[in-house]
Amino acid sequence: MASPESTETVPGWHFTLHAQEPLTQEQCDVLAGLDSFADGYVSLMQTPDVESSFVCYFEADSLMDAMKRALARFDDLPGVLIRSIELDACSFDHNGLATASVVPLAARPRASL
């Protein structure tokens, strides 16, 4: 975190971790009891028997540091393997990573309800 005297802000990173396999009921029960997942920085999104993913938000100096902090929490969750990490579109805009080759957030199609 930035010191109280500093005017620099620490970037906030939004990303999604995709599990290799859907969580089992036993893994969900273990997850529910873990303090390391109770702070809201990593939240389970699940379609039972289809897919499990974890939406993450961390403040860190770099995306790599944010991902390391998120992945370290899985040491407490046996048998859950992460197969991929998806960078959330708002992280591009929020952290000044948007370039001419990145579709602007406002131009991205939204799902209709």
Protein backbone atom coordinates (compact mmCIF):
# COMPACT_ATOMS: atom_id res chain seq x y z
CA MET A 1 0.00 0.00 0.00
CA ALA A 2 1.07 3.57 -0.57
CA SER A 3 2.36 5.43 2.48
CA PRO A 4 0.13 8.19 3.93
CA GLU A 5 2.52 10.89 2.62
CA SER A 6 2.67 9.44 -0.88
CA THR A 7 0.48 10.79 -3.65
CA GLU A 8 0.93 7.64 -5.71
CA THR A 9 -1.86 5.11 -5.65
CA VAL A 10 -1.37 1.40 -5.77
CA PRO A 11 -3.07 -0.10 -8.82
CA GLY A 12 -6.12 -2.29 -8.28
CA TRP A 13 -6.19 -5.46 -10.38
CA HIS A 14 -9.37 -7.33 -11.38
CA PHE A 15 -8.89 -10.80 -12.81
CA THR A 16 -10.47 -14.24 -12.89
CA LEU A 17 -8.81 -17.53 -11.98
CA HIS A 18 -10.30 -20.54 -13.79
CA ALA A 19 -10.12 -23.88 -11.99
CA GLN A 20 -9.09 -26.95 -13.94
CA GLU A 21 -12.11 -28.88 -12.68
CA PRO A 22 -15.36 -27.83 -10.97
CA LEU A 23 -15.04 -27.81 -7.18
CA THR A 24 -16.49 -30.82 -5.40
CA GLN A 25 -18.96 -30.38 -2.55
CA GLU A 26 -16.16 -31.30 -0.13
CA GLN A 27 -13.88 -28.59 -1.58
CA CYS A 28 -16.72 -26.06 -1.33
CA ASP A 29 -17.20 -27.00 2.32
CA VAL A 30 -13.48 -26.53 3.02
CA LEU A 31 -13.50 -23.21 1.13
CA ALA A 32 -16.42 -21.94 3.23
CA GLY A 33 -14.35 -22.43 6.39
CA LEU A 34 -11.12 -20.80 5.21
CA ASP A 35 -10.24 -17.37 6.62
CA SER A 36 -7.99 -16.76 3.60
CA PHE A 37 -11.10 -16.64 1.37
CA ALA A 38 -13.37 -14.77 3.81
CA ASP A 39 -12.12 -11.24 3.09
CA GLY A 40 -13.86 -10.86 -0.29
CA TYR A 41 -10.70 -10.45 -2.38
CA VAL A 42 -11.28 -13.87 -4.00
CA SER A 43 -14.88 -14.93 -4.65
CA LEU A 44 -16.10 -18.24 -6.05
CA MET A 45 -18.34 -18.21 -9.12
CA GLN A 46 -19.61 -21.64 -9.99
CA THR A 47 -21.82 -23.59 -12.29
CA PRO A 48 -21.99 -26.92 -10.40
CA ASP A 49 -20.51 -29.86 -12.32
CA VAL A 50 -19.55 -27.50 -15.18
CA GLU A 51 -17.09 -24.78 -14.15
CA SER A 52 -15.59 -23.09 -11.11
CA SER A 53 -13.83 -19.76 -11.30
CA PHE A 54 -12.69 -17.17 -8.81
CA VAL A 55 -13.17 -13.44 -9.33
CA CYS A 56 -10.27 -11.56 -7.74
CA TYR A 57 -9.45 -7.99 -6.81
CA PHE A 58 -6.11 -7.04 -5.28
CA GLU A 59 -4.23 -3.81 -4.86
CA ALA A 60 -0.59 -4.43 -5.77
CA ASP A 61 2.30 -2.68 -7.48
CA SER A 62 2.11 -5.11 -10.40
CA LEU A 63 -0.27 -7.59 -11.94
CA MET A 64 2.24 -10.36 -11.18
CA ASP A 65 2.21 -9.47 -7.46
CA ALA A 66 -1.59 -9.45 -7.42
CA MET A 67 -1.76 -12.87 -9.11
CA LYS A 68 0.83 -14.33 -6.70
CA ARG A 69 -1.19 -13.12 -3.73
CA ALA A 70 -4.34 -14.70 -5.11
CA LEU A 71 -2.69 -18.00 -6.03
CA ALA A 72 -1.04 -18.31 -2.60
CA ARG A 73 -4.49 -18.67 -1.03
CA PHE A 74 -5.02 -21.95 -2.89
CA ASP A 75 -2.32 -23.64 -0.80
CA ASP A 76 -5.08 -24.00 1.81
CA LEU A 77 -7.53 -25.60 -0.64
CA PRO A 78 -6.34 -29.13 -1.47
CA GLY A 79 -6.92 -30.50 -4.94
CA VAL A 80 -7.91 -27.23 -6.60
CA LEU A 81 -5.70 -26.43 -9.57
CA ILE A 82 -5.86 -23.18 -11.54
CA ARG A 83 -5.68 -23.69 -15.33
CA SER A 84 -5.78 -20.07 -16.49
CA ILE A 85 -5.95 -16.44 -15.46
CA GLU A 86 -8.13 -13.96 -17.33
CA LEU A 87 -7.41 -10.24 -16.98
CA ASP A 88 -10.58 -8.27 -16.49
CA ALA A 89 -11.24 -5.56 -19.08
CA CYS A 90 -11.57 -2.82 -16.46
CA SER A 91 -7.94 -3.42 -15.38
CA PHE A 92 -6.75 -2.24 -18.79
CA ASP A 93 -8.58 1.07 -18.46
CA HIS A 94 -8.13 1.55 -14.71
CA ASN A 95 -4.36 0.95 -14.77
CA GLY A 96 -3.56 2.83 -17.96
CA LEU A 97 -2.79 -0.28 -20.00
CA ALA A 98 -5.14 0.55 -22.84
CA THR A 99 -3.35 1.08 -26.15
CA ALA A 100 -4.46 1.34 -29.76
CA SER A 101 -4.56 -2.48 -29.87
CA VAL A 102 -6.96 -2.80 -26.91
CA VAL A 103 -10.70 -2.46 -27.52
CA PRO A 104 -11.94 0.40 -25.30
CA LEU A 105 -14.13 -0.71 -22.39
CA ALA A 106 -17.09 1.37 -23.60
CA ALA A 107 -16.97 -0.35 -27.03
CA ARG A 108 -17.15 -3.90 -25.64
CA PRO A 109 -20.50 -5.60 -26.22
CA ARG A 110 -22.54 -6.22 -23.11
CA ALA A 111 -24.69 -9.26 -22.51
CA SER A 112 -28.39 -8.55 -22.80
CA LEU A 113 -30.67 -9.59 -20.00
